[in-house]
Amino acid sequence: MSAIQLIIIYLIAINVATFCTYGIDKWKAKKSLWRIRETALLGLAVLGGSVGAWLGMKVWHHKTQHKKFKYGIPVILAAQMALALYLVTV
């Protein structure tokens, strides 16, 4: 398996996991249960799950009013896209 294939598999897995984590945290919020730390949610985005985080915010309507998510997730996503574009062109 090539490095590119491994990267693609990793990105799919981290984004699915991040999307699901946002959904679980939203469910826990509705049930007044123990919550997932915001640093964990943001950390998943930084580790490559920014698309999953952004989709989780949109689909689950979760963390949409928190400034660090409302602005932070798009910034992380843009930075990761810029990095990917740079790496592809080098």
N, C-alpha and C. Protein backbone atom coordinates (compact mmCIF):
# COMPACT_ATOMS: atom_id res chain seq x y z
N MET A 1 0.86 -1.18 0.00
CA MET A 1 0.00 0.00 0.00
C MET A 1 0.91 1.24 0.00
N SER A 2 0.56 2.21 -0.82
CA SER A 2 1.40 3.41 -0.94
C SER A 2 1.12 4.38 0.21
N ALA A 3 2.03 5.33 0.36
CA ALA A 3 1.88 6.35 1.41
C ALA A 3 0.62 7.19 1.17
N ILE A 4 0.34 7.49 -0.07
CA ILE A 4 -0.86 8.28 -0.39
C ILE A 4 -2.12 7.52 0.02
N GLN A 5 -2.16 6.24 -0.25
CA GLN A 5 -3.32 5.43 0.13
C GLN A 5 -3.49 5.39 1.65
N LEU A 6 -2.39 5.27 2.36
CA LEU A 6 -2.46 5.27 3.83
C LEU A 6 -2.96 6.61 4.36
N ILE A 7 -2.51 7.69 3.76
CA ILE A 7 -2.96 9.03 4.18
C ILE A 7 -4.45 9.19 3.93
N ILE A 8 -4.92 8.73 2.78
CA ILE A 8 -6.35 8.83 2.45
C ILE A 8 -7.18 8.00 3.44
N ILE A 9 -6.72 6.79 3.74
CA ILE A 9 -7.44 5.95 4.72
C ILE A 9 -7.46 6.63 6.08
N TYR A 10 -6.32 7.18 6.49
CA TYR A 10 -6.26 7.89 7.78
C TYR A 10 -7.24 9.05 7.80
N LEU A 11 -7.25 9.88 6.75
CA LEU A 11 -8.14 11.05 6.72
C LEU A 11 -9.61 10.65 6.74
N ILE A 12 -9.95 9.59 6.04
CA ILE A 12 -11.34 9.11 6.07
C ILE A 12 -11.69 8.66 7.49
N ALA A 13 -10.81 7.88 8.10
CA ALA A 13 -11.08 7.35 9.44
C ALA A 13 -11.18 8.47 10.48
N ILE A 14 -10.26 9.42 10.47
CA ILE A 14 -10.28 10.50 11.47
C ILE A 14 -11.50 11.39 11.28
N ASN A 15 -11.92 11.61 10.04
CA ASN A 15 -13.10 12.44 9.81
C ASN A 15 -14.39 11.74 10.20
N VAL A 16 -14.49 10.45 9.95
CA VAL A 16 -15.67 9.69 10.38
C VAL A 16 -15.72 9.67 11.91
N ALA A 17 -14.57 9.41 12.54
CA ALA A 17 -14.52 9.40 14.01
C ALA A 17 -14.88 10.76 14.60
N THR A 18 -14.38 11.82 13.99
CA THR A 18 -14.67 13.17 14.49
C THR A 18 -16.15 13.50 14.34
N PHE A 19 -16.71 13.20 13.19
CA PHE A 19 -18.14 13.43 12.95
C PHE A 19 -18.98 12.69 13.99
N CYS A 20 -18.66 11.43 14.23
CA CYS A 20 -19.39 10.64 15.21
C CYS A 20 -19.21 11.19 16.62
N THR A 21 -18.01 11.65 16.94
CA THR A 21 -17.74 12.20 18.27
C THR A 21 -18.57 13.45 18.52
N TYR A 22 -18.72 14.30 17.52
CA TYR A 22 -19.56 15.48 17.67
C TYR A 22 -21.01 15.07 17.89
N GLY A 23 -21.46 14.04 17.18
CA GLY A 23 -22.82 13.55 17.38
C GLY A 23 -23.04 12.97 18.76
N ILE A 24 -22.06 12.22 19.25
CA ILE A 24 -22.15 11.65 20.60
C ILE A 24 -22.19 12.76 21.64
N ASP A 25 -21.35 13.78 21.47
CA ASP A 25 -21.34 14.88 22.44
C ASP A 25 -22.66 15.64 22.43
N LYS A 26 -23.24 15.81 21.26
CA LYS A 26 -24.55 16.48 21.18
C LYS A 26 -25.61 15.64 21.90
N TRP A 27 -25.57 14.33 21.69
CA TRP A 27 -26.52 13.44 22.36
C TRP A 27 -26.35 13.53 23.87
N LYS A 28 -25.09 13.53 24.33
CA LYS A 28 -24.82 13.63 25.77
C LYS A 28 -25.30 14.97 26.32
N ALA A 29 -25.17 16.02 25.55
CA ALA A 29 -25.64 17.35 25.99
C ALA A 29 -27.15 17.33 26.20
N LYS A 30 -27.86 16.69 25.29
CA LYS A 30 -29.32 16.62 25.41
C LYS A 30 -29.76 15.79 26.61
N LYS A 31 -28.96 14.78 26.96
CA LYS A 31 -29.29 13.88 28.08
C LYS A 31 -28.68 14.33 29.40
N SER A 32 -28.00 15.48 29.39
CA SER A 32 -27.31 16.00 30.59
C SER A 32 -26.32 14.99 31.16
N LEU A 33 -25.59 14.33 30.28
CA LEU A 33 -24.58 13.37 30.69
C LEU A 33 -23.20 14.01 30.64
N TRP A 34 -22.18 13.25 31.10
CA TRP A 34 -20.80 13.69 31.05
C TRP A 34 -20.45 14.01 29.60
N ARG A 35 -19.76 15.13 29.39
CA ARG A 35 -19.49 15.62 28.03
C ARG A 35 -18.05 15.37 27.61
N ILE A 36 -17.84 15.42 26.32
CA ILE A 36 -16.51 15.31 25.74
C ILE A 36 -15.86 16.69 25.82
N ARG A 37 -14.62 16.76 26.25
CA ARG A 37 -13.94 18.05 26.41
C ARG A 37 -13.84 18.79 25.08
N GLU A 38 -13.98 20.11 25.15
CA GLU A 38 -13.83 20.92 23.95
C GLU A 38 -12.44 20.77 23.35
N THR A 39 -11.43 20.62 24.19
CA THR A 39 -10.07 20.44 23.67
C THR A 39 -9.96 19.14 22.87
N ALA A 40 -10.69 18.11 23.27
CA ALA A 40 -10.69 16.86 22.51
C ALA A 40 -11.37 17.05 21.17
N LEU A 41 -12.49 17.77 21.17
CA LEU A 41 -13.20 18.02 19.91
C LEU A 41 -12.35 18.83 18.95
N LEU A 42 -11.71 19.87 19.46
CA LEU A 42 -10.83 20.68 18.62
C LEU A 42 -9.58 19.90 18.21
N GLY A 43 -9.07 19.09 19.12
CA GLY A 43 -7.89 18.29 18.83
C GLY A 43 -8.11 17.32 17.69
N LEU A 44 -9.29 16.72 17.63
CA LEU A 44 -9.61 15.83 16.52
C LEU A 44 -9.58 16.58 15.19
N ALA A 45 -10.06 17.82 15.20
CA ALA A 45 -10.02 18.63 13.98
C ALA A 45 -8.57 18.91 13.57
N VAL A 46 -7.74 19.26 14.54
CA VAL A 46 -6.34 19.56 14.27
C VAL A 46 -5.61 18.33 13.73
N LEU A 47 -5.97 17.16 14.21
CA LEU A 47 -5.32 15.91 13.78
C LEU A 47 -5.77 15.45 12.39
N GLY A 48 -6.57 16.25 11.72
CA GLY A 48 -6.99 15.92 10.36
C GLY A 48 -8.48 15.74 10.20
N GLY A 49 -9.23 15.87 11.28
CA GLY A 49 -10.68 15.66 11.23
C GLY A 49 -11.49 16.94 11.07
N SER A 50 -10.92 17.94 10.43
CA SER A 50 -11.62 19.23 10.32
C SER A 50 -12.88 19.15 9.47
N VAL A 51 -12.87 18.32 8.44
CA VAL A 51 -14.08 18.16 7.62
C VAL A 51 -15.17 17.48 8.45
N GLY A 52 -14.81 16.46 9.18
CA GLY A 52 -15.77 15.78 10.05
C GLY A 52 -16.30 16.69 11.14
N ALA A 53 -15.43 17.55 11.68
CA ALA A 53 -15.86 18.51 12.70
C ALA A 53 -16.85 19.51 12.10
N TRP A 54 -16.51 20.04 10.94
CA TRP A 54 -17.39 21.02 10.29
C TRP A 54 -18.74 20.39 9.95
N LEU A 55 -18.71 19.18 9.40
CA LEU A 55 -19.97 18.48 9.10
C LEU A 55 -20.75 18.15 10.37
N GLY A 56 -20.04 17.75 11.42
CA GLY A 56 -20.70 17.47 12.70
C GLY A 56 -21.39 18.69 13.26
N MET A 57 -20.74 19.84 13.13
CA MET A 57 -21.36 21.08 13.59
C MET A 57 -22.63 21.37 12.80
N LYS A 58 -22.58 21.16 11.49
CA LYS A 58 -23.73 21.45 10.63
C LYS A 58 -24.86 20.44 10.81
N VAL A 59 -24.53 19.17 10.78
CA VAL A 59 -25.56 18.11 10.85
C VAL A 59 -26.19 18.04 12.24
N TRP A 60 -25.35 18.05 13.27
CA TRP A 60 -25.85 17.90 14.64
C TRP A 60 -26.22 19.24 15.28
N HIS A 61 -25.96 20.34 14.59
CA HIS A 61 -26.20 21.69 15.14
C HIS A 61 -25.51 21.80 16.51
N HIS A 62 -24.24 21.45 16.50
CA HIS A 62 -23.50 21.35 17.75
C HIS A 62 -22.32 22.32 17.75
N LYS A 63 -22.21 23.09 18.82
CA LYS A 63 -21.11 24.04 19.04
C LYS A 63 -21.11 25.16 18.00
N THR A 64 -22.24 25.43 17.40
CA THR A 64 -22.30 26.44 16.34
C THR A 64 -22.24 27.87 16.87
N GLN A 65 -22.52 28.08 18.14
CA GLN A 65 -22.49 29.42 18.71
C GLN A 65 -21.21 29.71 19.50
N HIS A 66 -20.39 28.69 19.72
CA HIS A 66 -19.13 28.88 20.43
C HIS A 66 -18.11 29.46 19.46
N LYS A 67 -17.55 30.61 19.78
CA LYS A 67 -16.65 31.30 18.86
C LYS A 67 -15.44 30.45 18.47
N LYS A 68 -14.88 29.71 19.44
CA LYS A 68 -13.69 28.92 19.10
C LYS A 68 -14.01 27.81 18.11
N PHE A 69 -15.26 27.40 18.03
CA PHE A 69 -15.67 26.41 17.03
C PHE A 69 -16.17 27.10 15.77
N LYS A 70 -16.99 28.11 15.94
CA LYS A 70 -17.58 28.83 14.81
C LYS A 70 -16.51 29.38 13.88
N TYR A 71 -15.42 29.90 14.46
CA TYR A 71 -14.34 30.46 13.67
C TYR A 71 -13.12 29.54 13.60
N GLY A 72 -12.90 28.78 14.65
CA GLY A 72 -11.71 27.93 14.72
C GLY A 72 -11.72 26.78 13.73
N ILE A 73 -12.85 26.10 13.62
CA ILE A 73 -12.92 24.95 12.71
C ILE A 73 -12.70 25.37 11.26
N PRO A 74 -13.34 26.45 10.77
CA PRO A 74 -13.04 26.88 9.39
C PRO A 74 -11.57 27.29 9.20
N VAL A 75 -10.96 27.89 10.22
CA VAL A 75 -9.54 28.27 10.11
C VAL A 75 -8.67 27.02 10.02
N ILE A 76 -8.95 26.04 10.87
CA ILE A 76 -8.20 24.78 10.83
C ILE A 76 -8.37 24.10 9.47
N LEU A 77 -9.60 24.07 8.99
CA LEU A 77 -9.88 23.45 7.69
C LEU A 77 -9.13 24.17 6.57
N ALA A 78 -9.16 25.48 6.57
CA ALA A 78 -8.46 26.25 5.54
C ALA A 78 -6.95 26.02 5.61
N ALA A 79 -6.41 25.98 6.81
CA ALA A 79 -4.97 25.74 6.97
C ALA A 79 -4.59 24.34 6.45
N GLN A 80 -5.42 23.36 6.75
CA GLN A 80 -5.14 22.01 6.29
C GLN A 80 -5.26 21.90 4.78
N MET A 81 -6.22 22.60 4.20
CA MET A 81 -6.36 22.59 2.75
C MET A 81 -5.17 23.28 2.09
N ALA A 82 -4.72 24.38 2.67
CA ALA A 82 -3.56 25.09 2.15
C ALA A 82 -2.32 24.21 2.24
N LEU A 83 -2.15 23.51 3.35
CA LEU A 83 -1.01 22.60 3.51
C LEU A 83 -1.07 21.47 2.48
N ALA A 84 -2.25 20.90 2.29
CA ALA A 84 -2.41 19.81 1.31
C ALA A 84 -2.08 20.31 -0.10
N LEU A 85 -2.56 21.50 -0.43
CA LEU A 85 -2.28 22.08 -1.75
C LEU A 85 -0.79 22.31 -1.94
N TYR A 86 -0.16 22.82 -0.88
CA TYR A 86 1.29 23.04 -0.93
C TYR A 86 2.04 21.72 -1.14
N LEU A 87 1.66 20.70 -0.38
CA LEU A 87 2.35 19.42 -0.48
C LEU A 87 2.14 18.74 -1.84
N VAL A 88 0.99 18.96 -2.44
CA VAL A 88 0.71 18.38 -3.75
C VAL A 88 1.55 19.06 -4.83
N THR A 89 1.77 20.36 -4.67
CA THR A 89 2.49 21.11 -5.70
C THR A 89 4.01 21.08 -5.53
N VAL A 90 4.49 20.56 -4.41
CA VAL A 90 5.95 20.53 -4.20
C VAL A 90 6.57 19.36 -4.90
